[in-house]
C-alpha cells in the first residue's frame, strides 16, 4: 500500500490510484436523514449481530451520533473503525468534530440491539454494566491523557494543541431497545442512570438514535466521508461514502 498525496485527504492513505479516483469521482447523494433512520430501523428490527451493525455503520457513517457536533463537521471528513486507544482499549468508532475554537473527540461503542439492559427483577444486566464500564474507562483515560488521545488519531490529531483548542471528550454507548423500559421501576432506573453519568458520557438505545435521525437532528451534510481503519500508525481508507 503506497501513500497518495492529496490536499483534500491529507490525513489518510488510499489503497491505490483506483481508490483515490473513486473518491474524486464519487457523486454526493444527499439522502434525507429520515431515510437513514428508516434503514437503521429495518436493520435493528431484524435482531442483527453486533458485527452486522458495525458493517452497516461503516457503510453508512452518517447514522453514527454526533458526526456534526460542531459546524465544521468531521475533521478530515474521517470516521475511524476500531481505533485503538493506546494498548488498553479499542473503540468501535472514533472521530473528531471541530470549529475554530473547539475540538470534540467522539468515541462510540455499539452493542447488539438485542442485548438486554434489564434483568427480570428490574436491575441492570451484567452485559450492560460491562459495556457501560468500557466507555467509563475510555473517558477516564482520555480525560487524563488528552495529548496521548490526540496521538491515537495519527495525522488526524496533528496540529491540535490542547492548550490552544477547547478540547472535549464524548463517549457514547448505543445498546438495546426502548421496549425494555416497560415498567415504572425500569423507567426510573433509566432516568437515574442518565442523570448520574458524567456529562462526557452518553448512553442511548437504538430507538433513540433512530428518532434523532428521523427527526433530522443528525442531518447529513454535503461532504464525502472516508471510513478508515488504523494500521501501522496510519489511517487506511476502507469505504468511501458520498
C-alpha atoms as a PDB file:
ATOM      1  CA  UNK A   1       0.000   0.000   0.000  1.00  0.00           C
ATOM      2  CA  UNK A   2       1.511   3.315  -1.007  1.00  0.00           C
ATOM      3  CA  UNK A   3       0.708   6.788   0.139  1.00  0.00           C
ATOM      4  CA  UNK A   4      -1.034   9.109  -2.295  1.00  0.00           C
ATOM      5  CA  UNK A   5      -0.801  12.792  -1.551  1.00  0.00           C
ATOM      6  CA  UNK A   6      -3.947  14.865  -1.754  1.00  0.00           C
ATOM      7  CA  UNK A   7      -4.719  18.317  -0.408  1.00  0.00           C
ATOM      8  CA  UNK A   8      -8.267  17.185   0.380  1.00  0.00           C
ATOM      9  CA  UNK A   9      -7.211  13.912   2.020  1.00  0.00           C
ATOM     10  CA  UNK A  10      -4.108  14.984   3.875  1.00  0.00           C
ATOM     11  CA  UNK A  11      -4.530  12.603   6.782  1.00  0.00           C
ATOM     12  CA  UNK A  12      -5.303   9.258   5.059  1.00  0.00           C
ATOM     13  CA  UNK A  13      -3.734   6.665   2.790  1.00  0.00           C
ATOM     14  CA  UNK A  14      -5.602   5.248  -0.201  1.00  0.00           C
ATOM     15  CA  UNK A  15      -5.045   1.652  -1.239  1.00  0.00           C
ATOM     16  CA  UNK A  16      -4.098   2.625  -4.809  1.00  0.00           C
ATOM     17  CA  UNK A  17      -4.793   5.131  -7.564  1.00  0.00           C
ATOM     18  CA  UNK A  18      -8.082   3.415  -8.387  1.00  0.00           C
ATOM     19  CA  UNK A  19      -9.430   4.002  -4.885  1.00  0.00           C
ATOM     20  CA  UNK A  20      -8.320   7.624  -4.945  1.00  0.00           C
ATOM     21  CA  UNK A  21     -10.017   8.034  -8.344  1.00  0.00           C
ATOM     22  CA  UNK A  22     -13.186   6.524  -6.851  1.00  0.00           C
ATOM     23  CA  UNK A  23     -13.107   9.161  -4.126  1.00  0.00           C
ATOM     24  CA  UNK A  24     -12.567  12.022  -6.570  1.00  0.00           C
ATOM     25  CA  UNK A  25     -15.345  10.869  -8.889  1.00  0.00           C
ATOM     26  CA  UNK A  26     -17.887   9.919  -6.230  1.00  0.00           C
ATOM     27  CA  UNK A  27     -21.047  11.984  -6.538  1.00  0.00           C
ATOM     28  CA  UNK A  28     -22.638  13.138  -3.341  1.00  0.00           C
ATOM     29  CA  UNK A  29     -26.095  11.636  -2.863  1.00  0.00           C
ATOM     30  CA  UNK A  30     -27.774  13.720  -0.233  1.00  0.00           C
ATOM     31  CA  UNK A  31     -30.242  11.300   1.282  1.00  0.00           C
ATOM     32  CA  UNK A  32     -32.740  12.612   3.836  1.00  0.00           C
ATOM     33  CA  UNK A  33     -31.832  11.832   7.430  1.00  0.00           C
ATOM     34  CA  UNK A  34     -35.233  10.144   7.770  1.00  0.00           C
ATOM     35  CA  UNK A  35     -34.237   7.642   5.071  1.00  0.00           C
ATOM     36  CA  UNK A  36     -31.115   6.704   7.017  1.00  0.00           C
ATOM     37  CA  UNK A  37     -33.238   6.313  10.131  1.00  0.00           C
ATOM     38  CA  UNK A  38     -35.651   4.011   8.309  1.00  0.00           C
ATOM     39  CA  UNK A  39     -32.802   1.859   7.032  1.00  0.00           C
ATOM     40  CA  UNK A  40     -31.337   1.571  10.525  1.00  0.00           C
ATOM     41  CA  UNK A  41     -34.756   0.723  11.990  1.00  0.00           C
ATOM     42  CA  UNK A  42     -35.237  -2.069   9.440  1.00  0.00           C
ATOM     43  CA  UNK A  43     -31.831  -3.485  10.340  1.00  0.00           C
ATOM     44  CA  UNK A  44     -32.339  -3.218  14.088  1.00  0.00           C
ATOM     45  CA  UNK A  45     -35.773  -4.867  13.908  1.00  0.00           C
ATOM     46  CA  UNK A  46     -34.129  -7.931  12.325  1.00  0.00           C
ATOM     47  CA  UNK A  47     -32.167  -8.548  15.567  1.00  0.00           C
ATOM     48  CA  UNK A  48     -28.723  -8.388  13.891  1.00  0.00           C
ATOM     49  CA  UNK A  49     -25.394  -9.282  15.429  1.00  0.00           C
ATOM     50  CA  UNK A  50     -23.045  -6.566  16.637  1.00  0.00           C
ATOM     51  CA  UNK A  51     -20.761  -7.323  13.663  1.00  0.00           C
ATOM     52  CA  UNK A  52     -23.649  -6.719  11.236  1.00  0.00           C
ATOM     53  CA  UNK A  53     -24.386  -3.341  12.810  1.00  0.00           C
ATOM     54  CA  UNK A  54     -20.674  -2.500  12.651  1.00  0.00           C
ATOM     55  CA  UNK A  55     -20.564  -3.234   8.907  1.00  0.00           C
ATOM     56  CA  UNK A  56     -23.762  -1.249   8.289  1.00  0.00           C
ATOM     57  CA  UNK A  57     -22.370   1.732  10.198  1.00  0.00           C
ATOM     58  CA  UNK A  58     -19.099   1.609   8.262  1.00  0.00           C
ATOM     59  CA  UNK A  59     -21.039   1.883   5.021  1.00  0.00           C
ATOM     60  CA  UNK A  60     -23.491   4.447   6.442  1.00  0.00           C
ATOM     61  CA  UNK A  61     -21.391   6.557   8.843  1.00  0.00           C
ATOM     62  CA  UNK A  62     -23.944   9.374   8.906  1.00  0.00           C
ATOM     63  CA  UNK A  63     -26.035   7.089  11.103  1.00  0.00           C
ATOM     64  CA  UNK A  64     -23.448   7.477  13.854  1.00  0.00           C
ATOM     65  CA  UNK A  65     -24.252  10.002  16.604  1.00  0.00           C
ATOM     66  CA  UNK A  66     -22.796  13.495  16.664  1.00  0.00           C
ATOM     67  CA  UNK A  67     -20.752  13.338  13.430  1.00  0.00           C
ATOM     68  CA  UNK A  68     -21.632  17.015  13.010  1.00  0.00           C
ATOM     69  CA  UNK A  69     -21.257  18.084  16.637  1.00  0.00           C
ATOM     70  CA  UNK A  70     -19.529  21.330  15.600  1.00  0.00           C
ATOM     71  CA  UNK A  71     -20.329  23.313  12.472  1.00  0.00           C
ATOM     72  CA  UNK A  72     -17.050  22.464  10.707  1.00  0.00           C
ATOM     73  CA  UNK A  73     -18.182  18.840  10.763  1.00  0.00           C
ATOM     74  CA  UNK A  74     -15.855  15.868  10.813  1.00  0.00           C
ATOM     75  CA  UNK A  75     -12.173  16.738  10.970  1.00  0.00           C
ATOM     76  CA  UNK A  76     -10.632  15.449   7.753  1.00  0.00           C
ATOM     77  CA  UNK A  77     -14.069  14.052   6.785  1.00  0.00           C
ATOM     78  CA  UNK A  78     -12.869  10.871   8.502  1.00  0.00           C
ATOM     79  CA  UNK A  79     -14.563   8.228  10.655  1.00  0.00           C
ATOM     80  CA  UNK A  80     -12.269   5.552  12.092  1.00  0.00           C
ATOM     81  CA  UNK A  81     -13.408   1.989  12.663  1.00  0.00           C
ATOM     82  CA  UNK A  82     -11.831   0.058  15.549  1.00  0.00           C
ATOM     83  CA  UNK A  83      -9.464   2.810  16.672  1.00  0.00           C
ATOM     84  CA  UNK A  84      -7.172   1.648  19.490  1.00  0.00           C
ATOM     85  CA  UNK A  85      -6.674   3.987  22.437  1.00  0.00           C
ATOM     86  CA  UNK A  86      -3.096   3.199  23.383  1.00  0.00           C
ATOM     87  CA  UNK A  87      -2.709  -0.505  24.166  1.00  0.00           C
ATOM     88  CA  UNK A  88      -5.637  -0.876  26.547  1.00  0.00           C
ATOM     89  CA  UNK A  89      -8.839  -0.059  24.678  1.00  0.00           C
ATOM     90  CA  UNK A  90     -10.396  -0.343  21.209  1.00  0.00           C
ATOM     91  CA  UNK A  91     -13.341   1.808  20.138  1.00  0.00           C
ATOM     92  CA  UNK A  92     -15.941   0.642  17.638  1.00  0.00           C
ATOM     93  CA  UNK A  93     -15.873   4.088  16.027  1.00  0.00           C
ATOM     94  CA  UNK A  94     -13.974   7.297  16.682  1.00  0.00           C
ATOM     95  CA  UNK A  95     -13.942  10.691  15.018  1.00  0.00           C
ATOM     96  CA  UNK A  96     -13.352  14.375  15.689  1.00  0.00           C
ATOM     97  CA  UNK A  97     -15.711  17.284  15.185  1.00  0.00           C
ATOM     98  CA  UNK A  98     -14.288  20.787  15.108  1.00  0.00           C
ATOM     99  CA  UNK A  99     -14.817  24.506  14.849  1.00  0.00           C
ATOM    100  CA  UNK A 100     -12.292  27.332  15.021  1.00  0.00           C
ATOM    101  CA  UNK A 101     -12.011  27.150  18.812  1.00  0.00           C
ATOM    102  CA  UNK A 102     -13.029  23.670  19.910  1.00  0.00           C
ATOM    103  CA  UNK A 103     -12.354  20.030  19.204  1.00  0.00           C
ATOM    104  CA  UNK A 104     -14.683  17.234  20.272  1.00  0.00           C
ATOM    105  CA  UNK A 105     -13.229  13.728  20.324  1.00  0.00           C
ATOM    106  CA  UNK A 106     -16.106  11.255  19.981  1.00  0.00           C
ATOM    107  CA  UNK A 107     -15.750   7.538  20.711  1.00  0.00           C
ATOM    108  CA  UNK A 108     -18.656   5.163  20.124  1.00  0.00           C
ATOM    109  CA  UNK A 109     -19.316   1.689  21.452  1.00  0.00           C
ATOM    110  CA  UNK A 110     -22.115  -0.218  19.717  1.00  0.00           C
ATOM    111  CA  UNK A 111     -23.652  -3.307  21.257  1.00  0.00           C
ATOM    112  CA  UNK A 112     -26.057  -5.791  19.724  1.00  0.00           C
ATOM    113  CA  UNK A 113     -29.560  -4.234  19.534  1.00  0.00           C
ATOM    114  CA  UNK A 114     -31.000  -7.344  21.153  1.00  0.00           C
ATOM    115  CA  UNK A 115     -28.664  -7.123  24.137  1.00  0.00           C
ATOM    116  CA  UNK A 116     -30.695  -6.939  27.327  1.00  0.00           C
ATOM    117  CA  UNK A 117     -30.342  -3.886  29.541  1.00  0.00           C
ATOM    118  CA  UNK A 118     -32.505  -5.140  32.420  1.00  0.00           C
ATOM    119  CA  UNK A 119     -32.881  -8.410  34.272  1.00  0.00           C
ATOM    120  CA  UNK A 120     -36.328  -9.726  35.137  1.00  0.00           C
ATOM    121  CA  UNK A 121     -36.035  -8.212  38.629  1.00  0.00           C
ATOM    122  CA  UNK A 122     -35.511  -4.724  37.151  1.00  0.00           C
ATOM    123  CA  UNK A 123     -31.793  -4.500  37.873  1.00  0.00           C
ATOM    124  CA  UNK A 124     -29.224  -3.938  35.144  1.00  0.00           C
ATOM    125  CA  UNK A 125     -27.740  -6.967  33.425  1.00  0.00           C
ATOM    126  CA  UNK A 126     -24.071  -7.851  33.747  1.00  0.00           C
ATOM    127  CA  UNK A 127     -23.674  -7.396  29.982  1.00  0.00           C
ATOM    128  CA  UNK A 128     -24.994  -3.846  30.084  1.00  0.00           C
ATOM    129  CA  UNK A 129     -22.853  -2.930  33.089  1.00  0.00           C
ATOM    130  CA  UNK A 130     -19.736  -4.311  31.363  1.00  0.00           C
ATOM    131  CA  UNK A 131     -20.460  -2.218  28.247  1.00  0.00           C
ATOM    132  CA  UNK A 132     -21.006   0.895  30.365  1.00  0.00           C
ATOM    133  CA  UNK A 133     -17.771   0.282  32.247  1.00  0.00           C
ATOM    134  CA  UNK A 134     -15.927   0.154  28.955  1.00  0.00           C
ATOM    135  CA  UNK A 135     -16.946   3.692  27.972  1.00  0.00           C
ATOM    136  CA  UNK A 136     -16.282   4.875  31.528  1.00  0.00           C
ATOM    137  CA  UNK A 137     -12.739   3.522  31.190  1.00  0.00           C
ATOM    138  CA  UNK A 138     -12.259   5.238  27.821  1.00  0.00           C
ATOM    139  CA  UNK A 139     -13.471   8.516  29.267  1.00  0.00           C
ATOM    140  CA  UNK A 140     -11.290   8.346  32.386  1.00  0.00           C
ATOM    141  CA  UNK A 141      -8.181   7.519  30.380  1.00  0.00           C
ATOM    142  CA  UNK A 142      -8.737  10.234  27.765  1.00  0.00           C
ATOM    143  CA  UNK A 143      -9.600  12.956  30.268  1.00  0.00           C
ATOM    144  CA  UNK A 144      -6.269  12.315  31.997  1.00  0.00           C
ATOM    145  CA  UNK A 145      -4.229  11.740  28.838  1.00  0.00           C
ATOM    146  CA  UNK A 146      -5.603  14.185  26.293  1.00  0.00           C
ATOM    147  CA  UNK A 147      -2.280  14.595  24.435  1.00  0.00           C
ATOM    148  CA  UNK A 148      -1.975  10.823  24.110  1.00  0.00           C
ATOM    149  CA  UNK A 149      -5.575  10.691  22.882  1.00  0.00           C
ATOM    150  CA  UNK A 150      -4.656  13.052  20.039  1.00  0.00           C
ATOM    151  CA  UNK A 151      -1.729  10.840  19.071  1.00  0.00           C
ATOM    152  CA  UNK A 152      -4.066   7.846  18.741  1.00  0.00           C
ATOM    153  CA  UNK A 153      -5.620   9.559  15.708  1.00  0.00           C
ATOM    154  CA  UNK A 154      -2.373   9.626  13.722  1.00  0.00           C
ATOM    155  CA  UNK A 155      -2.162  12.539  11.284  1.00  0.00           C
ATOM    156  CA  UNK A 156      -5.734  13.494  12.113  1.00  0.00           C
ATOM    157  CA  UNK A 157      -4.553  14.563  15.559  1.00  0.00           C
ATOM    158  CA  UNK A 158      -1.613  16.633  14.335  1.00  0.00           C
ATOM    159  CA  UNK A 159      -1.513  20.397  14.775  1.00  0.00           C
ATOM    160  CA  UNK A 160      -4.143  20.266  17.517  1.00  0.00           C
ATOM    161  CA  UNK A 161      -2.558  21.778  20.596  1.00  0.00           C
ATOM    162  CA  UNK A 162      -4.705  21.091  23.682  1.00  0.00           C
ATOM    163  CA  UNK A 163      -3.507  24.374  25.208  1.00  0.00           C
ATOM    164  CA  UNK A 164      -4.937  26.330  22.218  1.00  0.00           C
ATOM    165  CA  UNK A 165      -8.194  24.492  21.492  1.00  0.00           C
ATOM    166  CA  UNK A 166     -11.009  23.834  23.910  1.00  0.00           C
ATOM    167  CA  UNK A 167     -10.815  20.040  23.862  1.00  0.00           C
ATOM    168  CA  UNK A 168     -13.657  17.786  24.967  1.00  0.00           C
ATOM    169  CA  UNK A 169     -14.136  14.035  25.026  1.00  0.00           C
ATOM    170  CA  UNK A 170     -17.554  12.471  24.431  1.00  0.00           C
ATOM    171  CA  UNK A 171     -18.077   8.723  24.817  1.00  0.00           C
ATOM    172  CA  UNK A 172     -21.305   7.160  23.558  1.00  0.00           C
ATOM    173  CA  UNK A 173     -22.795   3.721  24.177  1.00  0.00           C
ATOM    174  CA  UNK A 174     -25.599   2.556  21.864  1.00  0.00           C
ATOM    175  CA  UNK A 175     -27.342  -0.510  23.248  1.00  0.00           C
ATOM    176  CA  UNK A 176     -30.688  -2.286  23.457  1.00  0.00           C
ATOM    177  CA  UNK A 177     -34.252  -1.260  22.644  1.00  0.00           C
ATOM    178  CA  UNK A 178     -36.666   1.179  24.217  1.00  0.00           C
ATOM    179  CA  UNK A 179     -39.248  -1.591  24.584  1.00  0.00           C
ATOM    180  CA  UNK A 180     -37.335  -2.754  27.677  1.00  0.00           C
ATOM    181  CA  UNK A 181     -38.471   0.379  29.528  1.00  0.00           C
ATOM    182  CA  UNK A 182     -41.762  -1.361  30.116  1.00  0.00           C
ATOM    183  CA  UNK A 183     -42.295  -0.743  33.826  1.00  0.00           C
ATOM    184  CA  UNK A 184     -42.181   2.311  36.075  1.00  0.00           C
ATOM    185  CA  UNK A 185     -39.251   0.830  38.000  1.00  0.00           C
ATOM    186  CA  UNK A 186     -37.205   0.389  34.822  1.00  0.00           C
ATOM    187  CA  UNK A 187     -38.074   3.871  33.580  1.00  0.00           C
ATOM    188  CA  UNK A 188     -36.981   5.401  36.879  1.00  0.00           C
ATOM    189  CA  UNK A 189     -33.773   3.372  36.864  1.00  0.00           C
ATOM    190  CA  UNK A 190     -33.005   4.531  33.325  1.00  0.00           C
ATOM    191  CA  UNK A 191     -33.673   8.178  34.199  1.00  0.00           C
ATOM    192  CA  UNK A 192     -31.441   7.910  37.259  1.00  0.00           C
ATOM    193  CA  UNK A 193     -28.739   6.292  35.153  1.00  0.00           C
ATOM    194  CA  UNK A 194     -28.816   9.205  32.716  1.00  0.00           C
ATOM    195  CA  UNK A 195     -28.791  11.826  35.480  1.00  0.00           C
ATOM    196  CA  UNK A 196     -25.797  10.340  37.300  1.00  0.00           C
ATOM    197  CA  UNK A 197     -23.493   9.780  34.320  1.00  0.00           C
ATOM    198  CA  UNK A 198     -20.623  12.214  33.716  1.00  0.00           C
ATOM    199  CA  UNK A 199     -21.548  14.880  31.157  1.00  0.00           C
ATOM    200  CA  UNK A 200     -18.937  13.444  28.799  1.00  0.00           C
ATOM    201  CA  UNK A 201     -20.750  10.085  28.607  1.00  0.00           C
ATOM    202  CA  UNK A 202     -23.997   9.390  26.807  1.00  0.00           C
ATOM    203  CA  UNK A 203     -25.973   6.145  26.687  1.00  0.00           C
ATOM    204  CA  UNK A 204     -28.832   5.674  24.255  1.00  0.00           C
ATOM    205  CA  UNK A 205     -30.997   2.892  22.900  1.00  0.00           C
ATOM    206  CA  UNK A 206     -31.118   2.237  19.173  1.00  0.00           C
ATOM    207  CA  UNK A 207     -34.644   3.642  19.158  1.00  0.00           C
ATOM    208  CA  UNK A 208     -33.423   6.990  20.431  1.00  0.00           C
ATOM    209  CA  UNK A 209     -30.699   7.088  17.785  1.00  0.00           C
ATOM    210  CA  UNK A 210     -33.283   6.283  15.101  1.00  0.00           C
ATOM    211  CA  UNK A 211     -35.622   9.002  16.409  1.00  0.00           C
ATOM    212  CA  UNK A 212     -32.819  11.571  16.188  1.00  0.00           C
ATOM    213  CA  UNK A 213     -32.034  10.513  12.641  1.00  0.00           C
ATOM    214  CA  UNK A 214     -35.663  10.545  11.512  1.00  0.00           C
ATOM    215  CA  UNK A 215     -36.219  13.973  13.065  1.00  0.00           C
ATOM    216  CA  UNK A 216     -33.289  15.398  11.095  1.00  0.00           C
ATOM    217  CA  UNK A 217     -31.315  16.174  14.261  1.00  0.00           C
ATOM    218  CA  UNK A 218     -28.320  14.367  12.782  1.00  0.00           C
ATOM    219  CA  UNK A 219     -28.840  15.875   9.350  1.00  0.00           C
ATOM    220  CA  UNK A 220     -26.376  14.604   6.714  1.00  0.00           C
ATOM    221  CA  UNK A 221     -24.037  17.239   5.303  1.00  0.00           C
ATOM    222  CA  UNK A 222     -22.860  17.573   1.736  1.00  0.00           C
ATOM    223  CA  UNK A 223     -19.396  16.127   2.229  1.00  0.00           C
ATOM    224  CA  UNK A 224     -17.928  12.764   1.371  1.00  0.00           C
ATOM    225  CA  UNK A 225     -16.871  10.662   4.343  1.00  0.00           C
ATOM    226  CA  UNK A 226     -13.834   8.410   4.420  1.00  0.00           C
ATOM    227  CA  UNK A 227     -14.256   5.434   6.733  1.00  0.00           C
ATOM    228  CA  UNK A 228     -10.788   4.256   7.728  1.00  0.00           C
ATOM    229  CA  UNK A 229      -9.037   1.623   9.761  1.00  0.00           C
ATOM    230  CA  UNK A 230      -5.914   2.420  11.781  1.00  0.00           C
ATOM    231  CA  UNK A 231      -2.955   0.201  10.918  1.00  0.00           C
ATOM    232  CA  UNK A 232       0.782   0.710  11.004  1.00  0.00           C
ATOM    233  CA  UNK A 233       0.260   4.134  12.556  1.00  0.00           C
ATOM    234  CA  UNK A 234      -1.727   5.361   9.560  1.00  0.00           C
ATOM    235  CA  UNK A 235      -5.358   5.760   8.533  1.00  0.00           C
ATOM    236  CA  UNK A 236      -6.162   3.356   5.696  1.00  0.00           C
ATOM    237  CA  UNK A 237      -9.296   4.023   3.663  1.00  0.00           C
ATOM    238  CA  UNK A 238     -11.869   1.184   3.817  1.00  0.00           C
ATOM    239  CA  UNK A 239     -15.036   2.799   2.462  1.00  0.00           C
ATOM    240  CA  UNK A 240     -15.873   5.983   0.586  1.00  0.00           C
ATOM    241  CA  UNK A 241     -19.332   7.275   1.415  1.00  0.00           C
ATOM    242  CA  UNK A 242     -20.880  10.025  -0.672  1.00  0.00           C
END
